[in-house]
Amino acid sequence: MAAAWFTLGLPWPVCAFHQITGLPCITCGMTRCSVQFFHGHFLAAVKWNPLVFAALCGVMAFDLYAFGALVMRAPRLRIAFQQREKKYARGIVVSALALNWIYLLMHWRNF
């Protein structure tokens, strides 16, 4: 969808939160991080949005694992969370989002 958007010559997406407040939102820099990541400029990608960089690295690792499991016909890894583990996972996700936003607010002049 993004490729079609830019192929048609449509403008880059604009963040309403950033336009109103002048501060970056939680996802500010996500597009620029992705572009830098897929061009192989990993240090620049980390600077734009560390959480998105980590997510992209996780997706790449999962893709490599999935490819290896398919090629070798190996059994797939199954992860089952208990209720207590789900609570901690939610806390980790919320903490990661908060820390990422703090990082973006500390570097808001870059946006």
Protein backbone atom coordinates (compact mmCIF):
# COMPACT_ATOMS: atom_id res chain seq x y z
CA MET A 1 0.00 0.00 0.00
CA ALA A 2 2.85 2.38 0.84
CA ALA A 3 4.61 1.57 -2.43
CA ALA A 4 1.44 2.38 -4.38
CA TRP A 5 1.01 5.59 -2.38
CA PHE A 6 4.47 6.86 -3.28
CA THR A 7 4.32 5.53 -6.85
CA LEU A 8 1.29 7.71 -7.42
CA GLY A 9 3.35 10.69 -6.25
CA LEU A 10 1.20 11.37 -3.22
CA PRO A 11 2.81 13.37 -0.38
CA TRP A 12 4.43 11.85 2.70
CA PRO A 13 1.98 11.24 5.55
CA VAL A 14 1.65 14.07 8.06
CA CYS A 15 1.35 13.49 11.82
CA ALA A 16 -1.60 15.46 13.22
CA PHE A 17 -0.21 15.32 16.78
CA HIS A 18 3.11 16.77 15.62
CA GLN A 19 1.37 19.46 13.57
CA ILE A 20 -0.71 20.59 16.56
CA THR A 21 1.82 20.34 19.40
CA GLY A 22 5.17 20.51 17.62
CA LEU A 23 6.25 17.47 19.63
CA PRO A 24 6.78 13.96 18.26
CA CYS A 25 4.12 11.32 18.88
CA ILE A 26 4.95 7.74 19.89
CA THR A 27 5.31 6.66 16.26
CA CYS A 28 7.12 9.73 14.88
CA GLY A 29 10.06 8.73 12.74
CA MET A 30 8.57 5.31 12.00
CA THR A 31 8.50 5.78 8.22
CA ARG A 32 11.97 7.31 8.12
CA CYS A 33 13.27 4.52 10.36
CA SER A 34 11.82 1.89 8.04
CA VAL A 35 13.26 3.55 4.94
CA GLN A 36 16.71 3.78 6.54
CA PHE A 37 16.48 0.17 7.79
CA PHE A 38 15.63 -1.25 4.37
CA HIS A 39 18.39 0.81 2.76
CA GLY A 40 20.86 -0.76 5.21
CA HIS A 41 21.56 2.41 7.20
CA PHE A 42 21.00 0.79 10.59
CA LEU A 43 22.56 3.49 12.76
CA ALA A 44 20.37 6.14 11.15
CA ALA A 45 17.34 3.88 11.60
CA VAL A 46 18.03 3.51 15.34
CA LYS A 47 18.29 7.28 15.69
CA TRP A 48 14.90 7.87 14.06
CA ASN A 49 12.91 5.43 16.20
CA PRO A 50 14.60 2.77 18.36
CA LEU A 51 11.40 0.82 19.07
CA VAL A 52 10.54 0.47 15.39
CA PHE A 53 14.13 -0.57 14.70
CA ALA A 54 13.84 -3.29 17.36
CA ALA A 55 10.50 -4.40 15.89
CA LEU A 56 11.98 -4.59 12.39
CA CYS A 57 14.92 -6.63 13.71
CA GLY A 58 12.42 -8.95 15.42
CA VAL A 59 10.45 -9.38 12.20
CA MET A 60 13.66 -10.17 10.31
CA ALA A 61 14.67 -12.73 12.94
CA PHE A 62 11.22 -14.33 12.78
CA ASP A 63 11.38 -14.44 8.99
CA LEU A 64 14.75 -16.21 9.11
CA TYR A 65 13.40 -18.66 11.69
CA ALA A 66 10.24 -19.30 9.64
CA PHE A 67 12.27 -19.84 6.47
CA GLY A 68 14.57 -22.28 8.28
CA ALA A 69 11.62 -24.16 9.78
CA LEU A 70 9.98 -24.48 6.36
CA VAL A 71 13.12 -25.56 4.54
CA MET A 72 14.13 -28.13 7.17
CA ARG A 73 10.55 -29.20 7.84
CA ALA A 74 11.28 -28.75 11.52
CA PRO A 75 8.51 -28.49 14.11
CA ARG A 76 7.51 -24.90 14.81
CA LEU A 77 8.11 -23.28 18.16
CA ARG A 78 4.92 -22.80 20.18
CA ILE A 79 4.76 -20.32 23.02
CA ALA A 80 1.88 -20.48 25.47
CA PHE A 81 1.49 -17.67 27.98
CA GLN A 82 -0.11 -18.07 31.38
CA GLN A 83 -2.24 -15.26 32.83
CA ARG A 84 0.61 -13.96 34.98
CA GLU A 85 3.01 -13.90 32.02
CA LYS A 86 0.46 -11.98 29.95
CA LYS A 87 0.34 -9.31 32.66
CA TYR A 88 4.13 -8.93 32.59
CA ALA A 89 4.17 -8.87 28.79
CA ARG A 90 1.64 -6.02 28.78
CA GLY A 91 3.77 -4.14 31.29
CA ILE A 92 6.87 -4.61 29.15
CA VAL A 93 5.05 -3.36 26.04
CA VAL A 94 3.71 -0.27 27.84
CA SER A 95 7.16 0.41 29.32
CA ALA A 96 8.82 0.06 25.92
CA LEU A 97 6.33 2.49 24.38
CA ALA A 98 6.87 4.98 27.22
CA LEU A 99 10.68 4.74 27.01
CA ASN A 100 10.55 5.15 23.24
CA TRP A 101 8.38 8.25 23.57
CA ILE A 102 10.75 9.70 26.17
CA TYR A 103 13.62 9.13 23.73
CA LEU A 104 11.67 10.84 20.94
CA LEU A 105 10.79 13.79 23.20
CA MET A 106 14.46 14.16 24.15
CA HIS A 107 15.34 14.36 20.43
CA TRP A 108 12.28 16.29 19.24
CA ARG A 109 14.33 18.86 17.33
CA ASN A 110 15.17 16.16 14.76
CA PHE A 111 11.54 15.94 13.72
